[in-house]
Amino acid sequence: QAEEELKAAWSRQAEQLQEMGHRELLLRSDVQRAGEQLEAFKSQVMQVCSPSHTGRCVTEQQVIEKVRQISDEHLQSHEREKSLQEELSSRLTKEREVSANIEVFKDSLQKLQ
């Protein structure tokens, strides 16, 4: 019975580890997307500030407004990236704990056999 319980616990731990790996991939994708958004914002600023792009001169107020908008978007992106990094770090810590538990279960199962 103890062996069956250990096998069931090991199976649950393995499933949790697999799910955490999937979530980690999603988090990494979100972090990469946030970086890509930042690059897009930089490009937008360059376009707004370039009179040759629009064929007309842009006013100082237009540039200020656009820079403010991009700055706000960047701040939101940065906060999201920070949040995702913290969540990723937390999940990696949990994954290490689960891996350690799996090793303990494996050792216990081998000892029982």
N, C-alpha and C. Protein backbone atom coordinates (compact mmCIF):
# COMPACT_ATOMS: atom_id res chain seq x y z
N GLN A 1 0.83 -1.19 0.00
CA GLN A 1 0.00 0.00 0.00
C GLN A 1 0.88 1.26 0.00
N ALA A 2 1.93 1.25 0.80
CA ALA A 2 2.84 2.40 0.85
C ALA A 2 3.46 2.64 -0.53
N GLU A 3 3.77 1.54 -1.20
CA GLU A 3 4.35 1.66 -2.54
C GLU A 3 3.36 2.32 -3.50
N GLU A 4 2.11 1.93 -3.42
CA GLU A 4 1.08 2.52 -4.28
C GLU A 4 0.90 4.01 -3.98
N GLU A 5 0.93 4.34 -2.70
CA GLU A 5 0.80 5.75 -2.31
C GLU A 5 1.97 6.56 -2.84
N LEU A 6 3.15 6.00 -2.74
CA LEU A 6 4.33 6.69 -3.26
C LEU A 6 4.26 6.87 -4.77
N LYS A 7 3.80 5.83 -5.46
CA LYS A 7 3.65 5.93 -6.91
C LYS A 7 2.63 7.00 -7.29
N ALA A 8 1.52 7.05 -6.57
CA ALA A 8 0.49 8.05 -6.84
C ALA A 8 1.02 9.46 -6.56
N ALA A 9 1.75 9.60 -5.46
CA ALA A 9 2.33 10.90 -5.12
C ALA A 9 3.36 11.31 -6.16
N TRP A 10 4.15 10.36 -6.60
CA TRP A 10 5.16 10.65 -7.62
C TRP A 10 4.48 11.08 -8.92
N SER A 11 3.41 10.42 -9.27
CA SER A 11 2.66 10.75 -10.48
C SER A 11 2.09 12.16 -10.39
N ARG A 12 1.54 12.52 -9.24
CA ARG A 12 0.99 13.87 -9.06
C ARG A 12 2.10 14.91 -9.16
N GLN A 13 3.23 14.62 -8.54
CA GLN A 13 4.35 15.55 -8.59
C GLN A 13 4.85 15.72 -10.02
N ALA A 14 4.91 14.64 -10.78
CA ALA A 14 5.36 14.72 -12.17
C ALA A 14 4.39 15.55 -13.00
N GLU A 15 3.10 15.39 -12.76
CA GLU A 15 2.10 16.19 -13.48
C GLU A 15 2.24 17.66 -13.14
N GLN A 16 2.46 17.97 -11.86
CA GLN A 16 2.64 19.36 -11.45
C GLN A 16 3.89 19.95 -12.11
N LEU A 17 4.93 19.18 -12.16
CA LEU A 17 6.17 19.65 -12.77
C LEU A 17 5.96 19.94 -14.25
N GLN A 18 5.25 19.08 -14.92
CA GLN A 18 4.97 19.28 -16.35
C GLN A 18 4.13 20.54 -16.55
N GLU A 19 3.12 20.74 -15.73
CA GLU A 19 2.27 21.93 -15.83
C GLU A 19 3.09 23.19 -15.56
N MET A 20 3.97 23.13 -14.59
CA MET A 20 4.80 24.29 -14.28
C MET A 20 5.74 24.60 -15.45
N GLY A 21 6.24 23.58 -16.11
CA GLY A 21 7.08 23.80 -17.28
C GLY A 21 6.31 24.48 -18.38
N HIS A 22 5.07 24.09 -18.58
CA HIS A 22 4.21 24.73 -19.59
C HIS A 22 3.97 26.20 -19.24
N ARG A 23 3.68 26.46 -17.98
CA ARG A 23 3.46 27.84 -17.54
C ARG A 23 4.72 28.68 -17.70
N GLU A 24 5.86 28.07 -17.42
CA GLU A 24 7.12 28.80 -17.58
C GLU A 24 7.31 29.23 -19.03
N LEU A 25 7.01 28.33 -19.97
CA LEU A 25 7.12 28.69 -21.38
C LEU A 25 6.20 29.86 -21.73
N LEU A 26 5.00 29.85 -21.20
CA LEU A 26 4.07 30.95 -21.45
C LEU A 26 4.59 32.26 -20.87
N LEU A 27 5.15 32.19 -19.66
CA LEU A 27 5.70 33.39 -19.04
C LEU A 27 6.88 33.94 -19.83
N ARG A 28 7.74 33.05 -20.28
CA ARG A 28 8.89 33.50 -21.07
C ARG A 28 8.42 34.16 -22.37
N SER A 29 7.38 33.62 -22.96
CA SER A 29 6.81 34.19 -24.18
C SER A 29 6.27 35.60 -23.90
N ASP A 30 5.60 35.77 -22.76
CA ASP A 30 5.07 37.08 -22.39
C ASP A 30 6.20 38.09 -22.18
N VAL A 31 7.26 37.66 -21.54
CA VAL A 31 8.41 38.55 -21.31
C VAL A 31 9.03 38.96 -22.64
N GLN A 32 9.16 38.01 -23.56
CA GLN A 32 9.72 38.32 -24.88
C GLN A 32 8.81 39.31 -25.61
N ARG A 33 7.50 39.09 -25.53
CA ARG A 33 6.55 39.98 -26.18
C ARG A 33 6.66 41.40 -25.61
N ALA A 34 6.85 41.53 -24.30
CA ALA A 34 7.00 42.84 -23.67
C ALA A 34 8.24 43.55 -24.22
N GLY A 35 9.32 42.82 -24.41
CA GLY A 35 10.52 43.40 -25.00
C GLY A 35 10.30 43.86 -26.43
N GLU A 36 9.55 43.06 -27.19
CA GLU A 36 9.25 43.44 -28.56
C GLU A 36 8.39 44.69 -28.61
N GLN A 37 7.45 44.81 -27.66
CA GLN A 37 6.62 46.01 -27.59
C GLN A 37 7.47 47.24 -27.31
N LEU A 38 8.45 47.09 -26.45
CA LEU A 38 9.33 48.21 -26.14
C LEU A 38 10.06 48.67 -27.40
N GLU A 39 10.55 47.73 -28.18
CA GLU A 39 11.22 48.10 -29.43
C GLU A 39 10.27 48.79 -30.38
N ALA A 40 9.02 48.35 -30.42
CA ALA A 40 8.02 49.00 -31.28
C ALA A 40 7.78 50.44 -30.80
N PHE A 41 7.74 50.65 -29.49
CA PHE A 41 7.54 52.00 -28.96
C PHE A 41 8.70 52.90 -29.35
N LYS A 42 9.91 52.38 -29.26
CA LYS A 42 11.08 53.18 -29.67
C LYS A 42 10.96 53.58 -31.13
N SER A 43 10.52 52.66 -31.95
CA SER A 43 10.36 52.94 -33.38
C SER A 43 9.30 54.01 -33.60
N GLN A 44 8.21 53.96 -32.84
CA GLN A 44 7.15 54.96 -32.97
C GLN A 44 7.67 56.35 -32.65
N VAL A 45 8.47 56.47 -31.61
CA VAL A 45 9.03 57.78 -31.24
C VAL A 45 9.88 58.31 -32.38
N MET A 46 10.70 57.46 -32.96
CA MET A 46 11.56 57.89 -34.06
C MET A 46 10.72 58.35 -35.25
N GLN A 47 9.63 57.66 -35.53
CA GLN A 47 8.78 58.04 -36.65
C GLN A 47 8.10 59.38 -36.39
N VAL A 48 7.60 59.56 -35.19
CA VAL A 48 6.91 60.81 -34.86
C VAL A 48 7.86 62.00 -34.93
N CYS A 49 9.08 61.78 -34.51
CA CYS A 49 10.05 62.88 -34.47
C CYS A 49 10.71 63.14 -35.81
N SER A 50 10.38 62.36 -36.81
CA SER A 50 11.02 62.52 -38.12
C SER A 50 10.06 63.21 -39.09
N PRO A 51 10.29 64.49 -39.38
CA PRO A 51 9.41 65.21 -40.31
C PRO A 51 9.37 64.58 -41.70
N SER A 52 10.45 63.97 -42.14
CA SER A 52 10.48 63.38 -43.47
C SER A 52 9.51 62.21 -43.60
N HIS A 53 9.21 61.57 -42.47
CA HIS A 53 8.28 60.43 -42.50
C HIS A 53 6.86 60.89 -42.82
N THR A 54 6.45 62.01 -42.24
CA THR A 54 5.08 62.46 -42.40
C THR A 54 4.93 63.42 -43.58
N GLY A 55 6.03 63.96 -44.05
CA GLY A 55 5.95 64.93 -45.13
C GLY A 55 5.57 66.31 -44.62
N ARG A 56 5.47 66.46 -43.33
CA ARG A 56 5.13 67.75 -42.74
C ARG A 56 5.86 67.87 -41.41
N CYS A 57 5.91 69.06 -40.93
CA CYS A 57 6.55 69.28 -39.63
C CYS A 57 5.55 68.92 -38.53
N VAL A 58 6.06 68.28 -37.53
CA VAL A 58 5.21 67.97 -36.40
C VAL A 58 5.41 69.05 -35.35
N THR A 59 4.35 69.34 -34.63
CA THR A 59 4.47 70.37 -33.60
C THR A 59 5.14 69.79 -32.36
N GLU A 60 5.66 70.68 -31.59
CA GLU A 60 6.30 70.26 -30.34
C GLU A 60 5.29 69.57 -29.43
N GLN A 61 4.07 70.10 -29.41
CA GLN A 61 3.03 69.50 -28.58
C GLN A 61 2.71 68.08 -29.03
N GLN A 62 2.69 67.83 -30.34
CA GLN A 62 2.42 66.48 -30.86
C GLN A 62 3.51 65.51 -30.40
N VAL A 63 4.74 65.96 -30.50
CA VAL A 63 5.85 65.10 -30.07
C VAL A 63 5.75 64.82 -28.57
N ILE A 64 5.46 65.85 -27.80
CA ILE A 64 5.34 65.67 -26.34
C ILE A 64 4.22 64.70 -26.02
N GLU A 65 3.08 64.86 -26.68
CA GLU A 65 1.95 63.96 -26.41
C GLU A 65 2.29 62.52 -26.80
N LYS A 66 2.92 62.36 -27.94
CA LYS A 66 3.27 61.01 -28.38
C LYS A 66 4.30 60.38 -27.46
N VAL A 67 5.29 61.17 -27.07
CA VAL A 67 6.32 60.65 -26.15
C VAL A 67 5.67 60.29 -24.81
N ARG A 68 4.74 61.11 -24.35
CA ARG A 68 4.04 60.81 -23.10
C ARG A 68 3.25 59.51 -23.23
N GLN A 69 2.56 59.34 -24.34
CA GLN A 69 1.78 58.11 -24.57
C GLN A 69 2.70 56.91 -24.60
N ILE A 70 3.78 57.03 -25.33
CA ILE A 70 4.73 55.91 -25.43
C ILE A 70 5.37 55.63 -24.08
N SER A 71 5.66 56.69 -23.34
CA SER A 71 6.24 56.51 -22.01
C SER A 71 5.28 55.77 -21.10
N ASP A 72 4.01 56.13 -21.15
CA ASP A 72 3.01 55.42 -20.34
C ASP A 72 2.92 53.96 -20.74
N GLU A 73 2.92 53.70 -22.04
CA GLU A 73 2.86 52.31 -22.52
C GLU A 73 4.11 51.55 -22.09
N HIS A 74 5.25 52.22 -22.15
CA HIS A 74 6.50 51.59 -21.72
C HIS A 74 6.45 51.25 -20.23
N LEU A 75 5.94 52.18 -19.44
CA LEU A 75 5.84 51.94 -18.00
C LEU A 75 4.95 50.74 -17.71
N GLN A 76 3.81 50.68 -18.39
CA GLN A 76 2.91 49.54 -18.22
C GLN A 76 3.60 48.24 -18.64
N SER A 77 4.31 48.31 -19.75
CA SER A 77 5.02 47.13 -20.24
C SER A 77 6.10 46.70 -19.24
N HIS A 78 6.81 47.68 -18.71
CA HIS A 78 7.87 47.38 -17.75
C HIS A 78 7.28 46.76 -16.48
N GLU A 79 6.16 47.30 -16.01
CA GLU A 79 5.53 46.75 -14.82
C GLU A 79 5.05 45.32 -15.08
N ARG A 80 4.51 45.09 -16.27
CA ARG A 80 4.05 43.74 -16.63
C ARG A 80 5.25 42.79 -16.70
N GLU A 81 6.34 43.27 -17.30
CA GLU A 81 7.54 42.43 -17.39
C GLU A 81 8.07 42.10 -16.00
N LYS A 82 8.09 43.08 -15.11
CA LYS A 82 8.56 42.85 -13.75
C LYS A 82 7.68 41.82 -13.05
N SER A 83 6.37 41.97 -13.21
CA SER A 83 5.43 41.02 -12.62
C SER A 83 5.66 39.61 -13.17
N LEU A 84 5.86 39.51 -14.47
CA LEU A 84 6.09 38.21 -15.09
C LEU A 84 7.40 37.60 -14.62
N GLN A 85 8.43 38.43 -14.48
CA GLN A 85 9.72 37.93 -13.99
C GLN A 85 9.59 37.39 -12.57
N GLU A 86 8.83 38.12 -11.73
CA GLU A 86 8.63 37.66 -10.36
C GLU A 86 7.85 36.33 -10.35
N GLU A 87 6.83 36.25 -11.19
CA GLU A 87 6.06 35.01 -11.25
C GLU A 87 6.92 33.86 -11.76
N LEU A 88 7.74 34.15 -12.77
CA LEU A 88 8.63 33.13 -13.30
C LEU A 88 9.61 32.65 -12.24
N SER A 89 10.17 33.58 -11.50
CA SER A 89 11.10 33.22 -10.43
C SER A 89 10.41 32.35 -9.38
N SER A 90 9.21 32.73 -9.02
CA SER A 90 8.44 31.94 -8.05
C SER A 90 8.18 30.54 -8.57
N ARG A 91 7.81 30.44 -9.84
CA ARG A 91 7.51 29.13 -10.42
C ARG A 91 8.78 28.28 -10.54
N LEU A 92 9.89 28.90 -10.84
CA LEU A 92 11.15 28.14 -10.91
C LEU A 92 11.52 27.58 -9.53
N THR A 93 11.30 28.38 -8.50
CA THR A 93 11.56 27.92 -7.14
C THR A 93 10.66 26.74 -6.81
N LYS A 94 9.39 26.87 -7.16
CA LYS A 94 8.42 25.78 -6.92
C LYS A 94 8.82 24.54 -7.72
N GLU A 95 9.27 24.74 -8.95
CA GLU A 95 9.69 23.61 -9.79
C GLU A 95 10.86 22.88 -9.16
N ARG A 96 11.80 23.63 -8.61
CA ARG A 96 12.94 23.00 -7.93
C ARG A 96 12.47 22.18 -6.73
N GLU A 97 11.51 22.72 -5.99
CA GLU A 97 10.97 22.00 -4.84
C GLU A 97 10.28 20.71 -5.28
N VAL A 98 9.51 20.81 -6.35
CA VAL A 98 8.81 19.63 -6.86
C VAL A 98 9.83 18.59 -7.33
N SER A 99 10.87 19.03 -8.02
CA SER A 99 11.90 18.11 -8.48
C SER A 99 12.58 17.41 -7.30
N ALA A 100 12.85 18.18 -6.26
CA ALA A 100 13.46 17.58 -5.07
C ALA A 100 12.52 16.56 -4.44
N ASN A 101 11.24 16.88 -4.39
CA ASN A 101 10.26 15.94 -3.83
C ASN A 101 10.18 14.66 -4.66
N ILE A 102 10.25 14.81 -5.97
CA ILE A 102 10.21 13.64 -6.85
C ILE A 102 11.41 12.74 -6.56
N GLU A 103 12.57 13.36 -6.38
CA GLU A 103 13.76 12.57 -6.07
C GLU A 103 13.60 11.82 -4.75
N VAL A 104 13.01 12.47 -3.75
CA VAL A 104 12.78 11.82 -2.46
C VAL A 104 11.82 10.65 -2.64
N PHE A 105 10.76 10.87 -3.43
CA PHE A 105 9.80 9.80 -3.68
C PHE A 105 10.46 8.65 -4.42
N LYS A 106 11.28 8.96 -5.40
CA LYS A 106 11.97 7.90 -6.14
C LYS A 106 12.85 7.08 -5.21
N ASP A 107 13.61 7.78 -4.37
CA ASP A 107 14.49 7.09 -3.42
C ASP A 107 13.68 6.21 -2.48
N SER A 108 12.57 6.74 -1.99
CA SER A 108 11.71 5.96 -1.08
C SER A 108 11.14 4.74 -1.79
N LEU A 109 10.73 4.93 -3.03
CA LEU A 109 10.16 3.83 -3.80
C LEU A 109 11.21 2.74 -4.05
N GLN A 110 12.43 3.16 -4.36
CA GLN A 110 13.51 2.18 -4.58
C GLN A 110 13.82 1.41 -3.30
N LYS A 111 13.78 2.11 -2.18
CA LYS A 111 14.05 1.44 -0.91
C LYS A 111 12.96 0.43 -0.58
N LEU A 112 11.73 0.75 -0.92
CA LEU A 112 10.62 -0.18 -0.67
C LEU A 112 10.74 -1.42 -1.55
N GLN A 113 11.23 -1.25 -2.75
CA GLN A 113 11.34 -2.38 -3.65
C GLN A 113 12.52 -3.23 -3.23
